[in-house]
């Protein structure tokens, strides 16, 4: 999937069949990338990212463009 968020192109790819997660989502914008594992409670867990992470009591402060993509997939929480 590809969409414009705040005037910039964002792409998201969803992968099924991971042995560790219900699904894996890779979200990209220009040179930034977030790879997230999705558990059986629809919580996203950061597998890898090009960003510097801010961990707030177990939850990650992700950029708006990542949060918007995840909210569109009914995922409203990101953890480390």
PDB file of N, CA and C in Angstrom:
ATOM      1  N   UNK A   1       0.846  -1.166   0.000  1.00  0.00           N
ATOM      2  CA  UNK A   1       0.000   0.000   0.000  1.00  0.00           C
ATOM      3  C   UNK A   1       0.892   1.230   0.000  1.00  0.00           C
ATOM      4  N   UNK A   2       0.428   2.266  -0.631  1.00  0.00           N
ATOM      5  CA  UNK A   2       1.176   3.517  -0.707  1.00  0.00           C
ATOM      6  C   UNK A   2       0.183   4.661  -0.579  1.00  0.00           C
ATOM      7  N   UNK A   3       0.550   5.674   0.218  1.00  0.00           N
ATOM      8  CA  UNK A   3      -0.310   6.838   0.363  1.00  0.00           C
ATOM      9  C   UNK A   3       0.545   8.046   0.711  1.00  0.00           C
ATOM     10  N   UNK A   4      -0.042   9.223   0.553  1.00  0.00           N
ATOM     11  CA  UNK A   4       0.661  10.442   0.940  1.00  0.00           C
ATOM     12  C   UNK A   4       0.164  10.865   2.317  1.00  0.00           C
ATOM     13  N   UNK A   5       1.124  11.111   3.205  1.00  0.00           N
ATOM     14  CA  UNK A   5       0.814  11.607   4.541  1.00  0.00           C
ATOM     15  C   UNK A   5       1.639  12.867   4.725  1.00  0.00           C
ATOM     16  N   UNK A   6       0.961  13.965   5.008  1.00  0.00           N
ATOM     17  CA  UNK A   6       1.616  15.275   5.120  1.00  0.00           C
ATOM     18  C   UNK A   6       2.420  15.605   3.865  1.00  0.00           C
ATOM     19  N   UNK A   7       1.891  15.220   2.700  1.00  0.00           N
ATOM     20  CA  UNK A   7       2.512  15.544   1.432  1.00  0.00           C
ATOM     21  C   UNK A   7       3.699  14.676   1.036  1.00  0.00           C
ATOM     22  N   UNK A   8       4.001  13.644   1.822  1.00  0.00           N
ATOM     23  CA  UNK A   8       5.143  12.778   1.525  1.00  0.00           C
ATOM     24  C   UNK A   8       4.674  11.333   1.371  1.00  0.00           C
ATOM     25  N   UNK A   9       5.252  10.637   0.389  1.00  0.00           N
ATOM     26  CA  UNK A   9       4.851   9.269   0.084  1.00  0.00           C
ATOM     27  C   UNK A   9       5.306   8.308   1.184  1.00  0.00           C
ATOM     28  N   UNK A  10       4.361   7.515   1.667  1.00  0.00           N
ATOM     29  CA  UNK A  10       4.619   6.478   2.672  1.00  0.00           C
ATOM     30  C   UNK A  10       4.153   5.152   2.095  1.00  0.00           C
ATOM     31  N   UNK A  11       4.991   4.123   2.199  1.00  0.00           N
ATOM     32  CA  UNK A  11       4.595   2.792   1.744  1.00  0.00           C
ATOM     33  C   UNK A  11       4.596   1.839   2.923  1.00  0.00           C
ATOM     34  N   UNK A  12       3.702   0.880   2.870  1.00  0.00           N
ATOM     35  CA  UNK A  12       3.617  -0.148   3.911  1.00  0.00           C
ATOM     36  C   UNK A  12       3.440  -1.500   3.234  1.00  0.00           C
ATOM     37  N   UNK A  13       4.193  -2.476   3.717  1.00  0.00           N
ATOM     38  CA  UNK A  13       4.076  -3.845   3.218  1.00  0.00           C
ATOM     39  C   UNK A  13       3.733  -4.738   4.401  1.00  0.00           C
ATOM     40  N   UNK A  14       2.785  -5.617   4.186  1.00  0.00           N
ATOM     41  CA  UNK A  14       2.323  -6.543   5.219  1.00  0.00           C
ATOM     42  C   UNK A  14       2.719  -7.956   4.825  1.00  0.00           C
ATOM     43  N   UNK A  15       3.359  -8.639   5.755  1.00  0.00           N
ATOM     44  CA  UNK A  15       3.800 -10.014   5.523  1.00  0.00           C
ATOM     45  C   UNK A  15       3.151 -10.942   6.542  1.00  0.00           C
ATOM     46  N   UNK A  16       2.602 -12.031   6.063  1.00  0.00           N
ATOM     47  CA  UNK A  16       2.052 -13.086   6.928  1.00  0.00           C
ATOM     48  C   UNK A  16       3.029 -14.243   6.958  1.00  0.00           C
ATOM     49  N   UNK A  17       2.844 -15.148   7.885  1.00  0.00           N
ATOM     50  CA  UNK A  17       3.650 -16.359   7.893  1.00  0.00           C
ATOM     51  C   UNK A  17       4.912 -16.266   8.725  1.00  0.00           C
ATOM     52  N   UNK A  18       5.062 -15.223   9.519  1.00  0.00           N
ATOM     53  CA  UNK A  18       6.212 -15.129  10.404  1.00  0.00           C
ATOM     54  C   UNK A  18       6.060 -16.147  11.528  1.00  0.00           C
ATOM     55  N   UNK A  19       7.145 -16.786  11.896  1.00  0.00           N
ATOM     56  CA  UNK A  19       7.044 -17.766  12.994  1.00  0.00           C
ATOM     57  C   UNK A  19       6.957 -17.091  14.353  1.00  0.00           C
ATOM     58  N   UNK A  20       7.369 -15.800  14.422  1.00  0.00           N
ATOM     59  CA  UNK A  20       7.360 -15.086  15.695  1.00  0.00           C
ATOM     60  C   UNK A  20       6.151 -14.179  15.896  1.00  0.00           C
ATOM     61  N   UNK A  21       5.493 -13.779  14.810  1.00  0.00           N
ATOM     62  CA  UNK A  21       4.418 -12.791  14.878  1.00  0.00           C
ATOM     63  C   UNK A  21       3.223 -13.234  14.044  1.00  0.00           C
ATOM     64  N   UNK A  22       2.081 -12.650  14.351  1.00  0.00           N
ATOM     65  CA  UNK A  22       0.891 -12.870  13.527  1.00  0.00           C
ATOM     66  C   UNK A  22       1.113 -12.270  12.137  1.00  0.00           C
ATOM     67  N   UNK A  23       1.822 -11.144  12.093  1.00  0.00           N
ATOM     68  CA  UNK A  23       2.170 -10.473  10.838  1.00  0.00           C
ATOM     69  C   UNK A  23       3.373  -9.574  11.087  1.00  0.00           C
ATOM     70  N   UNK A  24       4.002  -9.152  10.003  1.00  0.00           N
ATOM     71  CA  UNK A  24       5.094  -8.181  10.060  1.00  0.00           C
ATOM     72  C   UNK A  24       4.737  -7.063   9.091  1.00  0.00           C
ATOM     73  N   UNK A  25       4.892  -5.813   9.543  1.00  0.00           N
ATOM     74  CA  UNK A  25       4.617  -4.649   8.711  1.00  0.00           C
ATOM     75  C   UNK A  25       5.919  -3.863   8.560  1.00  0.00           C
ATOM     76  N   UNK A  26       6.243  -3.518   7.321  1.00  0.00           N
ATOM     77  CA  UNK A  26       7.394  -2.663   7.043  1.00  0.00           C
ATOM     78  C   UNK A  26       6.843  -1.353   6.490  1.00  0.00           C
ATOM     79  N   UNK A  27       7.122  -0.243   7.199  1.00  0.00           N
ATOM     80  CA  UNK A  27       6.640   1.078   6.813  1.00  0.00           C
ATOM     81  C   UNK A  27       7.854   1.913   6.415  1.00  0.00           C
ATOM     82  N   UNK A  28       7.776   2.551   5.231  1.00  0.00           N
ATOM     83  CA  UNK A  28       8.905   3.344   4.717  1.00  0.00           C
ATOM     84  C   UNK A  28       8.435   4.721   4.273  1.00  0.00           C
ATOM     85  N   UNK A  29       9.317   5.686   4.527  1.00  0.00           N
ATOM     86  CA  UNK A  29       9.135   7.033   3.984  1.00  0.00           C
ATOM     87  C   UNK A  29      10.522   7.581   3.697  1.00  0.00           C
ATOM     88  N   UNK A  30      10.775   7.842   2.422  1.00  0.00           N
ATOM     89  CA  UNK A  30      12.085   8.307   1.977  1.00  0.00           C
ATOM     90  C   UNK A  30      13.161   7.388   2.554  1.00  0.00           C
ATOM     91  N   UNK A  31      14.103   7.869   3.347  1.00  0.00           N
ATOM     92  CA  UNK A  31      15.168   7.023   3.879  1.00  0.00           C
ATOM     93  C   UNK A  31      14.841   6.374   5.216  1.00  0.00           C
ATOM     94  N   UNK A  32      13.638   6.605   5.739  1.00  0.00           N
ATOM     95  CA  UNK A  32      13.245   6.054   7.048  1.00  0.00           C
ATOM     96  C   UNK A  32      12.498   4.744   6.882  1.00  0.00           C
ATOM     97  N   UNK A  33      12.764   3.797   7.801  1.00  0.00           N
ATOM     98  CA  UNK A  33      12.094   2.498   7.746  1.00  0.00           C
ATOM     99  C   UNK A  33      11.800   2.006   9.162  1.00  0.00           C
ATOM    100  N   UNK A  34      10.612   1.453   9.330  1.00  0.00           N
ATOM    101  CA  UNK A  34      10.205   0.805  10.578  1.00  0.00           C
ATOM    102  C   UNK A  34       9.721  -0.600  10.238  1.00  0.00           C
ATOM    103  N   UNK A  35      10.286  -1.604  10.890  1.00  0.00           N
ATOM    104  CA  UNK A  35       9.826  -2.984  10.747  1.00  0.00           C
ATOM    105  C   UNK A  35       9.199  -3.370  12.075  1.00  0.00           C
ATOM    106  N   UNK A  36       7.923  -3.768  12.017  1.00  0.00           N
ATOM    107  CA  UNK A  36       7.139  -4.018  13.229  1.00  0.00           C
ATOM    108  C   UNK A  36       6.519  -5.409  13.199  1.00  0.00           C
ATOM    109  N   UNK A  37       6.693  -6.145  14.284  1.00  0.00           N
ATOM    110  CA  UNK A  37       6.012  -7.423  14.442  1.00  0.00           C
ATOM    111  C   UNK A  37       4.686  -7.181  15.136  1.00  0.00           C
ATOM    112  N   UNK A  38       3.633  -7.811  14.659  1.00  0.00           N
ATOM    113  CA  UNK A  38       2.298  -7.631  15.222  1.00  0.00           C
ATOM    114  C   UNK A  38       1.915  -8.896  15.981  1.00  0.00           C
ATOM    115  N   UNK A  39       1.586  -8.744  17.269  1.00  0.00           N
ATOM    116  CA  UNK A  39       1.243  -9.923  18.071  1.00  0.00           C
ATOM    117  C   UNK A  39      -0.247 -10.255  17.961  1.00  0.00           C
ATOM    118  N   UNK A  40      -0.677 -11.282  18.680  1.00  0.00           N
ATOM    119  CA  UNK A  40      -2.068 -11.743  18.586  1.00  0.00           C
ATOM    120  C   UNK A  40      -3.066 -10.807  19.256  1.00  0.00           C
ATOM    121  N   UNK A  41      -2.586  -9.754  19.920  1.00  0.00           N
ATOM    122  CA  UNK A  41      -3.475  -8.745  20.508  1.00  0.00           C
ATOM    123  C   UNK A  41      -3.438  -7.438  19.717  1.00  0.00           C
ATOM    124  N   UNK A  42      -2.893  -7.486  18.499  1.00  0.00           N
ATOM    125  CA  UNK A  42      -2.781  -6.328  17.600  1.00  0.00           C
ATOM    126  C   UNK A  42      -1.931  -5.211  18.193  1.00  0.00           C
ATOM    127  N   UNK A  43      -0.853  -5.595  18.873  1.00  0.00           N
ATOM    128  CA  UNK A  43       0.131  -4.643  19.381  1.00  0.00           C
ATOM    129  C   UNK A  43       1.364  -4.750  18.492  1.00  0.00           C
ATOM    130  N   UNK A  44       1.873  -3.604  18.060  1.00  0.00           N
ATOM    131  CA  UNK A  44       3.073  -3.574  17.220  1.00  0.00           C
ATOM    132  C   UNK A  44       4.316  -3.541  18.113  1.00  0.00           C
ATOM    133  N   UNK A  45       5.308  -4.341  17.745  1.00  0.00           N
ATOM    134  CA  UNK A  45       6.585  -4.391  18.462  1.00  0.00           C
ATOM    135  C   UNK A  45       7.687  -4.050  17.470  1.00  0.00           C
ATOM    136  N   UNK A  46       8.559  -3.108  17.830  1.00  0.00           N
ATOM    137  CA  UNK A  46       9.611  -2.668  16.926  1.00  0.00           C
ATOM    138  C   UNK A  46      10.651  -3.767  16.788  1.00  0.00           C
ATOM    139  N   UNK A  47      10.800  -4.249  15.578  1.00  0.00           N
ATOM    140  CA  UNK A  47      11.836  -5.239  15.248  1.00  0.00           C
ATOM    141  C   UNK A  47      13.110  -4.529  14.826  1.00  0.00           C
ATOM    142  N   UNK A  48      12.946  -3.469  14.005  1.00  0.00           N
ATOM    143  CA  UNK A  48      14.087  -2.737  13.476  1.00  0.00           C
ATOM    144  C   UNK A  48      13.595  -1.384  12.978  1.00  0.00           C
ATOM    145  N   UNK A  49      14.462  -0.377  13.065  1.00  0.00           N
ATOM    146  CA  UNK A  49      14.122   0.934  12.541  1.00  0.00           C
ATOM    147  C   UNK A  49      15.398   1.716  12.265  1.00  0.00           C
ATOM    148  N   UNK A  50      15.288   2.676  11.366  1.00  0.00           N
ATOM    149  CA  UNK A  50      16.401   3.575  11.102  1.00  0.00           C
ATOM    150  C   UNK A  50      16.363   4.782  12.037  1.00  0.00           C
ATOM    151  N   UNK A  51      15.304   4.893  12.841  1.00  0.00           N
ATOM    152  CA  UNK A  51      15.116   6.043  13.727  1.00  0.00           C
ATOM    153  C   UNK A  51      15.766   5.805  15.094  1.00  0.00           C
ATOM    154  N   UNK A  52      15.986   6.900  15.795  1.00  0.00           N
ATOM    155  CA  UNK A  52      16.395   6.825  17.196  1.00  0.00           C
ATOM    156  C   UNK A  52      15.120   6.715  18.012  1.00  0.00           C
ATOM    157  N   UNK A  53      15.020   5.694  18.852  1.00  0.00           N
ATOM    158  CA  UNK A  53      13.788   5.428  19.582  1.00  0.00           C
ATOM    159  C   UNK A  53      13.721   6.179  20.907  1.00  0.00           C
ATOM    160  N   UNK A  54      12.504   6.635  21.230  1.00  0.00           N
ATOM    161  CA  UNK A  54      12.204   7.187  22.542  1.00  0.00           C
ATOM    162  C   UNK A  54      11.241   6.225  23.213  1.00  0.00           C
ATOM    163  N   UNK A  55      11.683   5.599  24.292  1.00  0.00           N
ATOM    164  CA  UNK A  55      10.880   4.609  25.000  1.00  0.00           C
ATOM    165  C   UNK A  55      10.219   5.285  26.192  1.00  0.00           C
ATOM    166  N   UNK A  56       8.890   5.334  26.183  1.00  0.00           N
ATOM    167  CA  UNK A  56       8.136   5.954  27.258  1.00  0.00           C
ATOM    168  C   UNK A  56       7.362   4.879  28.014  1.00  0.00           C
ATOM    169  N   UNK A  57       7.937   4.387  29.112  1.00  0.00           N
ATOM    170  CA  UNK A  57       7.291   3.351  29.931  1.00  0.00           C
ATOM    171  C   UNK A  57       6.859   2.147  29.107  1.00  0.00           C
ATOM    172  N   UNK A  58       7.743   1.658  28.233  1.00  0.00           N
ATOM    173  CA  UNK A  58       7.456   0.472  27.449  1.00  0.00           C
ATOM    174  C   UNK A  58       6.812   0.740  26.108  1.00  0.00           C
ATOM    175  N   UNK A  59       6.237   1.946  25.929  1.00  0.00           N
ATOM    176  CA  UNK A  59       5.650   2.295  24.642  1.00  0.00           C
ATOM    177  C   UNK A  59       6.621   3.185  23.873  1.00  0.00           C
ATOM    178  N   UNK A  60       6.579   3.097  22.573  1.00  0.00           N
ATOM    179  CA  UNK A  60       7.485   3.824  21.694  1.00  0.00           C
ATOM    180  C   UNK A  60       6.797   5.074  21.149  1.00  0.00           C
ATOM    181  N   UNK A  61       7.521   6.178  21.136  1.00  0.00           N
ATOM    182  CA  UNK A  61       7.025   7.417  20.546  1.00  0.00           C
ATOM    183  C   UNK A  61       7.401   7.413  19.064  1.00  0.00           C
ATOM    184  N   UNK A  62       6.533   6.853  18.246  1.00  0.00           N
ATOM    185  CA  UNK A  62       6.781   6.738  16.802  1.00  0.00           C
ATOM    186  C   UNK A  62       6.327   8.012  16.095  1.00  0.00           C
ATOM    187  N   UNK A  63       6.886   8.290  14.917  1.00  0.00           N
ATOM    188  CA  UNK A  63       6.442   9.458  14.152  1.00  0.00           C
ATOM    189  C   UNK A  63       4.983   9.330  13.717  1.00  0.00           C
ATOM    190  N   UNK A  64       4.353  10.470  13.486  1.00  0.00           N
ATOM    191  CA  UNK A  64       2.934  10.488  13.091  1.00  0.00           C
ATOM    192  C   UNK A  64       2.654   9.623  11.875  1.00  0.00           C
ATOM    193  N   UNK A  65       3.562   9.636  10.893  1.00  0.00           N
ATOM    194  CA  UNK A  65       3.301   8.889   9.658  1.00  0.00           C
ATOM    195  C   UNK A  65       3.272   7.391   9.906  1.00  0.00           C
ATOM    196  N   UNK A  66       4.047   6.889  10.866  1.00  0.00           N
ATOM    197  CA  UNK A  66       3.996   5.463  11.218  1.00  0.00           C
ATOM    198  C   UNK A  66       2.693   5.180  11.958  1.00  0.00           C
ATOM    199  N   UNK A  67       2.352   6.038  12.915  1.00  0.00           N
ATOM    200  CA  UNK A  67       1.118   5.848  13.681  1.00  0.00           C
ATOM    201  C   UNK A  67      -0.109   5.877  12.781  1.00  0.00           C
ATOM    202  N   UNK A  68      -0.144   6.764  11.794  1.00  0.00           N
ATOM    203  CA  UNK A  68      -1.297   6.849  10.897  1.00  0.00           C
ATOM    204  C   UNK A  68      -1.478   5.575  10.084  1.00  0.00           C
ATOM    205  N   UNK A  69      -0.379   5.014   9.602  1.00  0.00           N
ATOM    206  CA  UNK A  69      -0.462   3.757   8.850  1.00  0.00           C
ATOM    207  C   UNK A  69      -0.996   2.649   9.757  1.00  0.00           C
ATOM    208  N   UNK A  70      -0.465   2.552  10.961  1.00  0.00           N
ATOM    209  CA  UNK A  70      -0.903   1.500  11.884  1.00  0.00           C
ATOM    210  C   UNK A  70      -2.357   1.685  12.302  1.00  0.00           C
ATOM    211  N   UNK A  71      -2.774   2.914  12.559  1.00  0.00           N
ATOM    212  CA  UNK A  71      -4.174   3.159  12.919  1.00  0.00           C
ATOM    213  C   UNK A  71      -5.114   2.743  11.801  1.00  0.00           C
ATOM    214  N   UNK A  72      -4.681   2.930  10.558  1.00  0.00           N
ATOM    215  CA  UNK A  72      -5.475   2.485   9.416  1.00  0.00           C
ATOM    216  C   UNK A  72      -5.638   0.968   9.378  1.00  0.00           C
ATOM    217  N   UNK A  73      -4.738   0.264  10.062  1.00  0.00           N
ATOM    218  CA  UNK A  73      -4.792  -1.197  10.158  1.00  0.00           C
ATOM    219  C   UNK A  73      -5.350  -1.650  11.509  1.00  0.00           C
ATOM    220  N   UNK A  74      -5.921  -0.704  12.269  1.00  0.00           N
ATOM    221  CA  UNK A  74      -6.542  -0.978  13.579  1.00  0.00           C
ATOM    222  C   UNK A  74      -5.518  -1.389  14.641  1.00  0.00           C
ATOM    223  N   UNK A  75      -4.301  -0.867  14.531  1.00  0.00           N
ATOM    224  CA  UNK A  75      -3.242  -1.124  15.510  1.00  0.00           C
ATOM    225  C   UNK A  75      -2.953   0.211  16.191  1.00  0.00           C
ATOM    226  N   UNK A  76      -3.190   0.281  17.504  1.00  0.00           N
ATOM    227  CA  UNK A  76      -3.066   1.580  18.173  1.00  0.00           C
ATOM    228  C   UNK A  76      -1.985   1.630  19.245  1.00  0.00           C
ATOM    229  N   UNK A  77      -1.131   0.593  19.322  1.00  0.00           N
ATOM    230  CA  UNK A  77      -0.081   0.590  20.337  1.00  0.00           C
ATOM    231  C   UNK A  77       1.217   0.056  19.759  1.00  0.00           C
ATOM    232  N   UNK A  78       2.332   0.745  20.065  1.00  0.00           N
ATOM    233  CA  UNK A  78       3.654   0.311  19.622  1.00  0.00           C
ATOM    234  C   UNK A  78       4.524   0.162  20.856  1.00  0.00           C
ATOM    235  N   UNK A  79       5.146  -1.008  20.993  1.00  0.00           N
ATOM    236  CA  UNK A  79       6.033  -1.267  22.119  1.00  0.00           C
ATOM    237  C   UNK A  79       7.428  -1.624  21.628  1.00  0.00           C
ATOM    238  N   UNK A  80       8.392  -1.499  22.541  1.00  0.00           N
ATOM    239  CA  UNK A  80       9.785  -1.839  22.212  1.00  0.00           C
ATOM    240  C   UNK A  80       9.939  -3.326  22.042  1.00  0.00           C
TER     241      UNK A  80
END
